[in-house]
């Protein structure tokens, strides 16, 4: 890992709000592509998933999701449940930002895609007792759309359409269908 990346990780945790945000944006951009330093930050990011600061939890989740494409040891398969927990964070904004990035784990490979889809399908079906479940469902379907666009895999689209089919509320059903138009 070069010194620029190290510095950006440090700045994303400290400094003023603007500096943190710029570093966050930089790290997300860099990790959109494979990197060879993934395991130099992996354990710290796992630890940060339970950090007392919700911003740290959110950033750690988003970075790990992005880094799944750089994970030849497939550690994400073992560590995914820890990452998934942040999608249920007590701070809704943290949960939502984490959930919105979770699809990136799925582009790391077929096994990862299937795991992410399984988690999302279960959450879609079983999460109606949670606050803001319609937004969560929307994010899950948008994640599926992102995976569908990446892989052009009709089974992903069909799974999403099947989930939309179980929605009773016409207003939300229409909103959800629009994601796949």
N, C-alpha and C. Protein backbone atom coordinates (compact mmCIF):
# COMPACT_ATOMS: atom_id res chain seq x y z
N UNK A 1 0.85 -1.17 0.00
CA UNK A 1 0.00 0.00 0.00
C UNK A 1 0.90 1.24 0.00
N UNK A 2 0.59 2.14 -0.89
CA UNK A 2 1.42 3.34 -0.94
C UNK A 2 1.02 4.35 0.15
N UNK A 3 1.88 5.30 0.34
CA UNK A 3 1.66 6.27 1.42
C UNK A 3 0.43 7.14 1.20
N UNK A 4 0.09 7.39 -0.05
CA UNK A 4 -1.11 8.19 -0.36
C UNK A 4 -2.37 7.49 0.17
N UNK A 5 -2.49 6.20 -0.10
CA UNK A 5 -3.66 5.43 0.37
C UNK A 5 -3.69 5.40 1.90
N UNK A 6 -2.53 5.13 2.51
CA UNK A 6 -2.46 5.12 3.98
C UNK A 6 -2.95 6.45 4.55
N UNK A 7 -2.48 7.52 3.98
CA UNK A 7 -2.86 8.84 4.43
C UNK A 7 -4.37 9.07 4.26
N UNK A 8 -4.92 8.63 3.13
CA UNK A 8 -6.36 8.81 2.89
C UNK A 8 -7.19 8.03 3.91
N UNK A 9 -6.75 6.82 4.27
CA UNK A 9 -7.46 6.07 5.31
C UNK A 9 -7.39 6.80 6.65
N UNK A 10 -6.24 7.35 6.96
CA UNK A 10 -6.10 8.11 8.21
C UNK A 10 -6.99 9.35 8.18
N UNK A 11 -6.96 10.07 7.07
CA UNK A 11 -7.77 11.29 6.96
C UNK A 11 -9.27 10.99 6.97
N UNK A 12 -9.66 9.80 6.50
CA UNK A 12 -11.08 9.47 6.49
C UNK A 12 -11.62 9.22 7.90
N UNK A 13 -10.73 9.09 8.86
CA UNK A 13 -11.13 8.88 10.25
C UNK A 13 -10.97 10.11 11.13
N UNK A 14 -10.24 11.09 10.64
CA UNK A 14 -9.97 12.25 11.49
C UNK A 14 -10.03 13.52 10.65
N UNK A 15 -9.58 14.59 11.22
CA UNK A 15 -9.60 15.83 10.47
C UNK A 15 -10.99 16.43 10.42
N UNK A 16 -11.13 17.45 9.61
CA UNK A 16 -12.44 18.09 9.53
C UNK A 16 -13.37 17.32 8.60
N UNK A 17 -14.63 17.69 8.65
CA UNK A 17 -15.69 16.99 7.91
C UNK A 17 -15.39 16.92 6.41
N UNK A 18 -14.96 18.04 5.83
CA UNK A 18 -14.67 18.07 4.39
C UNK A 18 -13.51 17.16 4.02
N UNK A 19 -12.47 17.18 4.86
CA UNK A 19 -11.31 16.33 4.62
C UNK A 19 -11.70 14.85 4.69
N UNK A 20 -12.50 14.51 5.69
CA UNK A 20 -12.97 13.12 5.83
C UNK A 20 -13.77 12.70 4.59
N UNK A 21 -14.64 13.58 4.14
CA UNK A 21 -15.48 13.25 2.99
C UNK A 21 -14.64 13.10 1.71
N UNK A 22 -13.68 13.97 1.51
CA UNK A 22 -12.81 13.86 0.33
C UNK A 22 -12.03 12.55 0.35
N UNK A 23 -11.53 12.17 1.51
CA UNK A 23 -10.80 10.90 1.64
C UNK A 23 -11.72 9.72 1.39
N UNK A 24 -12.91 9.79 1.94
CA UNK A 24 -13.93 8.75 1.73
C UNK A 24 -14.19 8.57 0.24
N UNK A 25 -14.41 9.67 -0.46
CA UNK A 25 -14.67 9.62 -1.91
C UNK A 25 -13.47 9.02 -2.65
N UNK A 26 -12.29 9.42 -2.26
CA UNK A 26 -11.07 8.93 -2.91
C UNK A 26 -10.94 7.42 -2.71
N UNK A 27 -11.14 6.95 -1.49
CA UNK A 27 -11.00 5.51 -1.19
C UNK A 27 -12.04 4.71 -1.97
N UNK A 28 -13.27 5.20 -2.03
CA UNK A 28 -14.30 4.48 -2.80
C UNK A 28 -13.92 4.41 -4.27
N UNK A 29 -13.38 5.48 -4.81
CA UNK A 29 -12.98 5.50 -6.22
C UNK A 29 -11.85 4.50 -6.48
N UNK A 30 -10.85 4.51 -5.61
CA UNK A 30 -9.71 3.61 -5.77
C UNK A 30 -10.14 2.15 -5.64
N UNK A 31 -11.04 1.87 -4.72
CA UNK A 31 -11.46 0.49 -4.47
C UNK A 31 -12.54 0.01 -5.43
N UNK A 32 -12.94 0.85 -6.35
CA UNK A 32 -13.84 0.40 -7.41
C UNK A 32 -13.13 -0.57 -8.36
N UNK A 33 -11.82 -0.61 -8.25
CA UNK A 33 -10.99 -1.50 -9.07
C UNK A 33 -10.17 -2.38 -8.12
N UNK A 34 -9.67 -3.48 -8.63
CA UNK A 34 -8.87 -4.38 -7.80
C UNK A 34 -7.63 -3.65 -7.28
N UNK A 35 -7.34 -3.93 -6.02
CA UNK A 35 -6.14 -3.39 -5.39
C UNK A 35 -5.36 -4.55 -4.77
N UNK A 36 -4.05 -4.37 -4.64
CA UNK A 36 -3.24 -5.47 -4.09
C UNK A 36 -2.98 -5.33 -2.59
N UNK A 37 -3.52 -4.30 -1.97
CA UNK A 37 -3.28 -4.05 -0.55
C UNK A 37 -4.50 -4.36 0.31
N UNK A 38 -5.43 -5.10 -0.22
CA UNK A 38 -6.70 -5.37 0.47
C UNK A 38 -6.52 -5.89 1.90
N UNK A 39 -5.57 -6.82 2.09
CA UNK A 39 -5.44 -7.44 3.41
C UNK A 39 -4.66 -6.57 4.40
N UNK A 40 -4.09 -5.48 3.92
CA UNK A 40 -3.42 -4.54 4.82
C UNK A 40 -4.45 -3.73 5.61
N UNK A 41 -5.66 -3.64 5.11
CA UNK A 41 -6.70 -2.87 5.80
C UNK A 41 -7.89 -3.74 6.24
N UNK A 42 -7.96 -4.95 5.78
CA UNK A 42 -9.12 -5.82 6.00
C UNK A 42 -9.50 -5.95 7.48
N UNK A 43 -8.54 -6.35 8.31
CA UNK A 43 -8.85 -6.61 9.72
C UNK A 43 -9.28 -5.33 10.45
N UNK A 44 -8.65 -4.22 10.11
CA UNK A 44 -9.05 -2.95 10.73
C UNK A 44 -10.46 -2.57 10.31
N UNK A 45 -10.80 -2.80 9.06
CA UNK A 45 -12.16 -2.49 8.59
C UNK A 45 -13.18 -3.38 9.28
N UNK A 46 -12.85 -4.65 9.46
CA UNK A 46 -13.76 -5.55 10.19
C UNK A 46 -13.99 -5.03 11.61
N UNK A 47 -12.92 -4.61 12.24
CA UNK A 47 -13.03 -4.07 13.59
C UNK A 47 -13.90 -2.81 13.60
N UNK A 48 -13.72 -1.97 12.58
CA UNK A 48 -14.47 -0.71 12.51
C UNK A 48 -15.96 -0.91 12.25
N UNK A 49 -16.37 -2.10 11.85
CA UNK A 49 -17.80 -2.37 11.65
C UNK A 49 -18.58 -2.23 12.95
N UNK A 50 -17.89 -2.33 14.08
CA UNK A 50 -18.55 -2.18 15.38
C UNK A 50 -18.03 -0.96 16.14
N UNK A 51 -17.42 -0.03 15.44
CA UNK A 51 -16.88 1.18 16.05
C UNK A 51 -18.00 1.98 16.71
N UNK A 52 -17.66 2.72 17.76
CA UNK A 52 -18.68 3.51 18.46
C UNK A 52 -19.23 4.65 17.61
N UNK A 53 -18.45 5.11 16.64
CA UNK A 53 -18.88 6.18 15.74
C UNK A 53 -19.60 5.58 14.53
N UNK A 54 -20.86 5.94 14.35
CA UNK A 54 -21.64 5.36 13.25
C UNK A 54 -21.06 5.70 11.88
N UNK A 55 -20.39 6.83 11.75
CA UNK A 55 -19.76 7.18 10.47
C UNK A 55 -18.63 6.20 10.14
N UNK A 56 -17.89 5.81 11.16
CA UNK A 56 -16.82 4.83 10.98
C UNK A 56 -17.41 3.48 10.55
N UNK A 57 -18.51 3.10 11.19
CA UNK A 57 -19.15 1.83 10.83
C UNK A 57 -19.60 1.86 9.37
N UNK A 58 -20.21 2.95 8.99
CA UNK A 58 -20.70 3.10 7.62
C UNK A 58 -19.57 3.04 6.61
N UNK A 59 -18.51 3.81 6.86
CA UNK A 59 -17.37 3.82 5.93
C UNK A 59 -16.73 2.44 5.84
N UNK A 60 -16.54 1.79 6.98
CA UNK A 60 -15.93 0.46 6.99
C UNK A 60 -16.75 -0.52 6.15
N UNK A 61 -18.06 -0.46 6.31
CA UNK A 61 -18.94 -1.36 5.54
C UNK A 61 -18.82 -1.09 4.05
N UNK A 62 -18.84 0.17 3.68
CA UNK A 62 -18.75 0.52 2.26
C UNK A 62 -17.39 0.14 1.67
N UNK A 63 -16.33 0.37 2.43
CA UNK A 63 -14.99 0.00 1.94
C UNK A 63 -14.88 -1.51 1.77
N UNK A 64 -15.36 -2.27 2.75
CA UNK A 64 -15.30 -3.73 2.64
C UNK A 64 -16.11 -4.24 1.44
N UNK A 65 -17.27 -3.68 1.25
CA UNK A 65 -18.09 -4.09 0.11
C UNK A 65 -17.32 -3.84 -1.19
N UNK A 66 -16.69 -2.69 -1.31
CA UNK A 66 -15.90 -2.38 -2.50
C UNK A 66 -14.70 -3.31 -2.64
N UNK A 67 -14.07 -3.64 -1.51
CA UNK A 67 -12.85 -4.45 -1.54
C UNK A 67 -13.10 -5.93 -1.83
N UNK A 68 -14.34 -6.36 -1.83
CA UNK A 68 -14.63 -7.77 -2.11
C UNK A 68 -14.07 -8.21 -3.46
N UNK A 69 -14.00 -7.32 -4.43
CA UNK A 69 -13.44 -7.68 -5.74
C UNK A 69 -11.93 -7.90 -5.68
N UNK A 70 -11.31 -7.45 -4.61
CA UNK A 70 -9.86 -7.58 -4.44
C UNK A 70 -9.50 -8.66 -3.43
N UNK A 71 -10.41 -9.57 -3.17
CA UNK A 71 -10.29 -10.56 -2.10
C UNK A 71 -10.10 -11.98 -2.66
N UNK A 72 -8.87 -12.31 -3.14
CA UNK A 72 -8.68 -13.63 -3.75
C UNK A 72 -8.84 -14.79 -2.75
N UNK A 73 -8.65 -14.52 -1.46
CA UNK A 73 -8.81 -15.56 -0.44
C UNK A 73 -10.29 -15.77 -0.07
N UNK A 74 -11.15 -14.93 -0.64
CA UNK A 74 -12.59 -14.99 -0.39
C UNK A 74 -12.93 -14.90 1.11
N UNK A 75 -12.22 -14.06 1.81
CA UNK A 75 -12.50 -13.83 3.23
C UNK A 75 -13.91 -13.28 3.44
N UNK A 76 -14.42 -12.60 2.44
CA UNK A 76 -15.75 -12.01 2.55
C UNK A 76 -16.81 -13.06 2.84
N UNK A 77 -16.58 -14.28 2.39
CA UNK A 77 -17.56 -15.34 2.62
C UNK A 77 -17.72 -15.61 4.12
N UNK A 78 -16.64 -15.55 4.84
CA UNK A 78 -16.67 -15.77 6.28
C UNK A 78 -17.09 -14.50 7.02
N UNK A 79 -16.66 -13.37 6.51
CA UNK A 79 -16.88 -12.10 7.20
C UNK A 79 -18.17 -11.38 6.82
N UNK A 80 -18.86 -11.89 5.82
CA UNK A 80 -20.06 -11.21 5.34
C UNK A 80 -21.12 -10.99 6.44
N UNK A 81 -21.37 -11.97 7.31
CA UNK A 81 -22.38 -11.72 8.35
C UNK A 81 -22.08 -10.48 9.20
N UNK A 82 -20.80 -10.21 9.45
CA UNK A 82 -20.43 -9.00 10.21
C UNK A 82 -20.75 -7.75 9.40
N UNK A 83 -20.48 -7.81 8.12
CA UNK A 83 -20.79 -6.69 7.23
C UNK A 83 -22.30 -6.49 7.15
N UNK A 84 -23.03 -7.57 7.01
CA UNK A 84 -24.49 -7.52 6.90
C UNK A 84 -25.12 -6.89 8.14
N UNK A 85 -24.53 -7.12 9.31
CA UNK A 85 -25.07 -6.56 10.55
C UNK A 85 -25.15 -5.04 10.49
N UNK A 86 -24.20 -4.41 9.80
CA UNK A 86 -24.20 -2.94 9.71
C UNK A 86 -25.39 -2.46 8.88
N UNK A 87 -25.93 -3.32 8.02
CA UNK A 87 -27.12 -2.94 7.25
C UNK A 87 -28.37 -2.89 8.14
N UNK A 88 -28.20 -3.28 9.39
CA UNK A 88 -29.30 -3.23 10.38
C UNK A 88 -28.94 -2.30 11.53
N UNK A 89 -28.00 -1.41 11.30
CA UNK A 89 -27.47 -0.53 12.34
C UNK A 89 -28.59 0.26 13.02
N UNK A 90 -28.35 0.59 14.28
CA UNK A 90 -29.32 1.40 15.05
C UNK A 90 -29.53 2.78 14.43
N UNK A 91 -28.51 3.30 13.80
CA UNK A 91 -28.61 4.58 13.08
C UNK A 91 -29.06 4.25 11.66
N UNK A 92 -30.25 4.68 11.31
CA UNK A 92 -30.82 4.29 10.01
C UNK A 92 -29.96 4.74 8.83
N UNK A 93 -29.38 5.93 8.91
CA UNK A 93 -28.55 6.42 7.81
C UNK A 93 -27.33 5.51 7.61
N UNK A 94 -26.77 5.01 8.69
CA UNK A 94 -25.63 4.08 8.61
C UNK A 94 -26.08 2.77 7.99
N UNK A 95 -27.20 2.26 8.46
CA UNK A 95 -27.74 1.02 7.92
C UNK A 95 -28.01 1.15 6.42
N UNK A 96 -28.59 2.25 6.06
CA UNK A 96 -28.98 2.45 4.66
C UNK A 96 -27.77 2.60 3.74
N UNK A 97 -26.79 3.39 4.14
CA UNK A 97 -25.58 3.53 3.32
C UNK A 97 -24.86 2.20 3.16
N UNK A 98 -24.85 1.42 4.22
CA UNK A 98 -24.22 0.10 4.16
C UNK A 98 -24.99 -0.82 3.22
N UNK A 99 -26.30 -0.83 3.37
CA UNK A 99 -27.13 -1.67 2.51
C UNK A 99 -27.00 -1.29 1.04
N UNK A 100 -26.96 0.01 0.77
CA UNK A 100 -26.88 0.46 -0.62
C UNK A 100 -25.57 0.08 -1.29
N UNK A 101 -24.55 -0.26 -0.53
CA UNK A 101 -23.27 -0.66 -1.13
C UNK A 101 -23.08 -2.17 -1.16
N UNK A 102 -23.97 -2.91 -0.55
CA UNK A 102 -23.78 -4.35 -0.37
C UNK A 102 -23.73 -5.13 -1.69
N UNK A 103 -24.35 -4.60 -2.73
CA UNK A 103 -24.36 -5.28 -4.03
C UNK A 103 -22.95 -5.44 -4.58
N UNK A 104 -22.04 -4.56 -4.18
CA UNK A 104 -20.68 -4.63 -4.70
C UNK A 104 -19.97 -5.90 -4.27
N UNK A 105 -20.38 -6.48 -3.15
CA UNK A 105 -19.84 -7.79 -2.75
C UNK A 105 -20.21 -8.81 -3.82
N UNK A 106 -21.41 -8.70 -4.35
CA UNK A 106 -21.91 -9.65 -5.33
C UNK A 106 -21.17 -9.65 -6.65
N UNK A 107 -20.49 -8.57 -7.00
CA UNK A 107 -19.77 -8.55 -8.28
C UNK A 107 -18.40 -9.20 -8.19
N UNK A 108 -18.03 -9.65 -6.97
CA UNK A 108 -16.73 -10.29 -6.79
C UNK A 108 -16.67 -11.70 -7.38
N UNK A 109 -17.83 -12.31 -7.62
CA UNK A 109 -17.85 -13.66 -8.18
C UNK A 109 -19.21 -14.32 -7.98
N UNK A 110 -19.39 -15.44 -8.60
CA UNK A 110 -20.68 -16.16 -8.55
C UNK A 110 -21.06 -16.54 -7.13
N UNK A 111 -20.12 -17.08 -6.38
CA UNK A 111 -20.41 -17.50 -5.00
C UNK A 111 -20.83 -16.31 -4.15
N UNK A 112 -20.12 -15.21 -4.30
CA UNK A 112 -20.45 -14.01 -3.55
C UNK A 112 -21.81 -13.47 -3.97
N UNK A 113 -22.07 -13.48 -5.28
CA UNK A 113 -23.36 -12.99 -5.79
C UNK A 113 -24.51 -13.81 -5.21
N UNK A 114 -24.37 -15.11 -5.20
CA UNK A 114 -25.43 -15.97 -4.67
C UNK A 114 -25.66 -15.72 -3.19
N UNK A 115 -24.57 -15.53 -2.44
CA UNK A 115 -24.69 -15.25 -1.01
C UNK A 115 -25.43 -13.93 -0.77
N UNK A 116 -25.02 -12.88 -1.48
CA UNK A 116 -25.65 -11.57 -1.32
C UNK A 116 -27.13 -11.66 -1.70
N UNK A 117 -27.43 -12.34 -2.78
CA UNK A 117 -28.83 -12.49 -3.19
C UNK A 117 -29.64 -13.22 -2.12
N UNK A 118 -29.09 -14.27 -1.55
CA UNK A 118 -29.80 -15.02 -0.51
C UNK A 118 -30.12 -14.13 0.70
N UNK A 119 -29.14 -13.36 1.12
CA UNK A 119 -29.35 -12.46 2.26
C UNK A 119 -30.42 -11.42 1.93
N UNK A 120 -30.35 -10.86 0.73
CA UNK A 120 -31.30 -9.80 0.36
C UNK A 120 -32.71 -10.35 0.20
N UNK A 121 -32.85 -11.52 -0.39
CA UNK A 121 -34.18 -12.12 -0.55
C UNK A 121 -34.80 -12.38 0.82
N UNK A 122 -34.02 -12.93 1.73
CA UNK A 122 -34.54 -13.21 3.08
C UNK A 122 -34.95 -11.92 3.77
N UNK A 123 -34.16 -10.88 3.63
CA UNK A 123 -34.48 -9.59 4.28
C UNK A 123 -35.73 -8.98 3.66
N UNK A 124 -35.87 -9.08 2.35
CA UNK A 124 -37.04 -8.54 1.67
C UNK A 124 -38.31 -9.23 2.19
N UNK A 125 -38.25 -10.55 2.29
CA UNK A 125 -39.42 -11.33 2.69
C UNK A 125 -39.73 -11.20 4.18
N UNK A 126 -38.70 -11.11 5.01
CA UNK A 126 -38.90 -11.21 6.45
C UNK A 126 -38.73 -9.90 7.20
N UNK A 127 -38.57 -8.79 6.50
CA UNK A 127 -38.29 -7.54 7.18
C UNK A 127 -39.43 -6.58 7.33
N UNK A 128 -40.65 -7.02 7.07
CA UNK A 128 -41.79 -6.09 7.08
C UNK A 128 -42.17 -5.61 8.48
N UNK A 129 -41.61 -6.22 9.50
CA UNK A 129 -41.91 -5.78 10.87
C UNK A 129 -40.96 -4.68 11.33
N UNK A 130 -40.00 -4.32 10.48
CA UNK A 130 -39.02 -3.30 10.84
C UNK A 130 -39.46 -1.92 10.37
N UNK A 131 -38.98 -0.91 11.08
CA UNK A 131 -39.24 0.47 10.72
C UNK A 131 -38.59 0.74 9.35
N UNK A 132 -39.25 1.55 8.54
CA UNK A 132 -38.73 1.94 7.22
C UNK A 132 -38.53 0.76 6.26
N UNK A 133 -39.29 -0.31 6.44
CA UNK A 133 -39.07 -1.49 5.61
C UNK A 133 -39.30 -1.22 4.12
N UNK A 134 -40.15 -0.24 3.80
CA UNK A 134 -40.38 0.04 2.37
C UNK A 134 -39.13 0.65 1.73
N UNK A 135 -38.41 1.46 2.46
CA UNK A 135 -37.14 2.00 1.95
C UNK A 135 -36.09 0.91 1.83
N UNK A 136 -36.05 0.03 2.82
CA UNK A 136 -35.11 -1.08 2.79
C UNK A 136 -35.40 -1.98 1.59
N UNK A 137 -36.67 -2.27 1.37
CA UNK A 137 -37.04 -3.07 0.19
C UNK A 137 -36.62 -2.37 -1.09
N UNK A 138 -36.81 -1.07 -1.14
CA UNK A 138 -36.41 -0.30 -2.32
C UNK A 138 -34.90 -0.44 -2.56
N UNK A 139 -34.12 -0.31 -1.49
CA UNK A 139 -32.66 -0.44 -1.60
C UNK A 139 -32.26 -1.85 -2.04
N UNK A 140 -32.93 -2.84 -1.52
CA UNK A 140 -32.64 -4.23 -1.90
C UNK A 140 -32.90 -4.42 -3.39
N UNK A 141 -34.03 -3.93 -3.86
CA UNK A 141 -34.35 -4.06 -5.28
C UNK A 141 -33.38 -3.26 -6.15
N UNK A 142 -32.96 -2.11 -5.68
CA UNK A 142 -31.96 -1.34 -6.44
C UNK A 142 -30.63 -2.08 -6.48
N UNK A 143 -30.27 -2.74 -5.39
CA UNK A 143 -29.06 -3.58 -5.38
C UNK A 143 -29.18 -4.70 -6.41
N UNK A 144 -30.36 -5.31 -6.46
CA UNK A 144 -30.58 -6.38 -7.45
C UNK A 144 -30.49 -5.82 -8.86
N UNK A 145 -31.01 -4.62 -9.05
CA UNK A 145 -30.91 -3.98 -10.36
C UNK A 145 -29.45 -3.74 -10.72
N UNK A 146 -28.66 -3.29 -9.77
CA UNK A 146 -27.24 -3.06 -10.02
C UNK A 146 -26.53 -4.37 -10.38
N UNK A 147 -26.87 -5.43 -9.68
CA UNK A 147 -26.28 -6.74 -9.99
C UNK A 147 -26.74 -7.23 -11.36
N UNK A 148 -28.01 -7.04 -11.64
CA UNK A 148 -28.54 -7.42 -12.96
C UNK A 148 -27.82 -6.66 -14.07
N UNK A 149 -27.65 -5.35 -13.89
CA UNK A 149 -26.96 -4.54 -14.89
C UNK A 149 -25.52 -4.98 -15.07
N UNK A 150 -24.89 -5.39 -13.98
CA UNK A 150 -23.49 -5.83 -14.05
C UNK A 150 -23.35 -7.17 -14.77
N UNK A 151 -24.20 -8.12 -14.41
CA UNK A 151 -24.07 -9.48 -14.94
C UNK A 151 -24.98 -9.77 -16.13
N UNK A 152 -26.01 -8.95 -16.32
CA UNK A 152 -27.04 -9.22 -17.32
C UNK A 152 -27.60 -10.64 -17.12
N UNK A 153 -27.88 -10.96 -15.88
CA UNK A 153 -28.35 -12.28 -15.47
C UNK A 153 -29.86 -12.22 -15.23
N UNK A 154 -30.61 -12.86 -16.10
CA UNK A 154 -32.07 -12.81 -16.03
C UNK A 154 -32.62 -13.43 -14.74
N UNK A 155 -31.86 -14.34 -14.11
CA UNK A 155 -32.37 -14.93 -12.86
C UNK A 155 -32.44 -13.88 -11.75
N UNK A 156 -31.53 -12.92 -11.79
CA UNK A 156 -31.57 -11.84 -10.80
C UNK A 156 -32.83 -11.00 -11.01
N UNK A 157 -33.09 -10.65 -12.25
CA UNK A 157 -34.28 -9.86 -12.56
C UNK A 157 -35.55 -10.62 -12.18
N UNK A 158 -35.59 -11.90 -12.50
CA UNK A 158 -36.77 -12.70 -12.19
C UNK A 158 -36.98 -12.81 -10.68
N UNK A 159 -35.89 -12.96 -9.94
CA UNK A 159 -35.99 -13.01 -8.48
C UNK A 159 -36.59 -11.71 -7.96
N UNK A 160 -36.12 -10.59 -8.48
CA UNK A 160 -36.64 -9.28 -8.06
C UNK A 160 -38.13 -9.16 -8.40
N UNK A 161 -38.50 -9.55 -9.60
CA UNK A 161 -39.90 -9.46 -10.01
C UNK A 161 -40.78 -10.37 -9.16
N UNK A 162 -40.27 -11.53 -8.81
CA UNK A 162 -41.01 -12.45 -7.93
C UNK A 162 -41.22 -11.81 -6.54
N UNK A 163 -40.20 -11.11 -6.05
CA UNK A 163 -40.34 -10.43 -4.76
C UNK A 163 -41.35 -9.30 -4.85
N UNK A 164 -41.30 -8.55 -5.92
CA UNK A 164 -42.25 -7.44 -6.11
C UNK A 164 -43.68 -7.98 -6.14
N UNK A 165 -43.82 -9.16 -6.69
CA UNK A 165 -45.13 -9.81 -6.79
C UNK A 165 -45.78 -10.04 -5.44
N UNK A 166 -44.98 -10.22 -4.38
CA UNK A 166 -45.56 -10.51 -3.06
C UNK A 166 -45.96 -9.23 -2.31
N UNK A 167 -45.67 -8.08 -2.89
CA UNK A 167 -46.00 -6.80 -2.26
C UNK A 167 -47.49 -6.50 -2.49
N UNK A 168 -48.20 -6.22 -1.41
CA UNK A 168 -49.63 -5.96 -1.51
C UNK A 168 -49.95 -4.50 -1.82
N UNK A 169 -49.19 -3.60 -1.26
CA UNK A 169 -49.45 -2.17 -1.42
C UNK A 169 -49.16 -1.73 -2.86
N UNK A 170 -50.21 -1.28 -3.56
CA UNK A 170 -50.10 -0.93 -4.99
C UNK A 170 -49.11 0.21 -5.23
N UNK A 171 -49.10 1.19 -4.32
CA UNK A 171 -48.20 2.33 -4.46
C UNK A 171 -46.74 1.87 -4.48
N UNK A 172 -46.39 1.02 -3.52
CA UNK A 172 -45.00 0.55 -3.44
C UNK A 172 -44.68 -0.46 -4.53
N UNK A 173 -45.66 -1.26 -4.87
CA UNK A 173 -45.46 -2.22 -5.95
C UNK A 173 -45.07 -1.49 -7.24
N UNK A 174 -45.77 -0.40 -7.53
CA UNK A 174 -45.47 0.38 -8.73
C UNK A 174 -44.06 0.98 -8.64
N UNK A 175 -43.75 1.54 -7.47
CA UNK A 175 -42.43 2.13 -7.24
C UNK A 175 -41.33 1.09 -7.46
N UNK A 176 -41.54 -0.10 -6.94
CA UNK A 176 -40.55 -1.18 -7.05
C UNK A 176 -40.41 -1.65 -8.50
N UNK A 177 -41.54 -1.76 -9.20
CA UNK A 177 -41.48 -2.20 -10.60
C UNK A 177 -40.69 -1.21 -11.44
N UNK A 178 -40.84 0.08 -11.12
CA UNK A 178 -40.12 1.13 -11.87
C UNK A 178 -38.60 0.94 -11.81
N UNK A 179 -38.10 0.32 -10.77
CA UNK A 179 -36.65 0.08 -10.66
C UNK A 179 -36.17 -0.83 -11.79
N UNK A 180 -37.04 -1.70 -12.26
CA UNK A 180 -36.65 -2.65 -13.31
C UNK A 180 -37.16 -2.28 -14.70
N UNK A 181 -37.65 -1.06 -14.87
CA UNK A 181 -38.10 -0.64 -16.20
C UNK A 181 -36.94 -0.10 -16.99
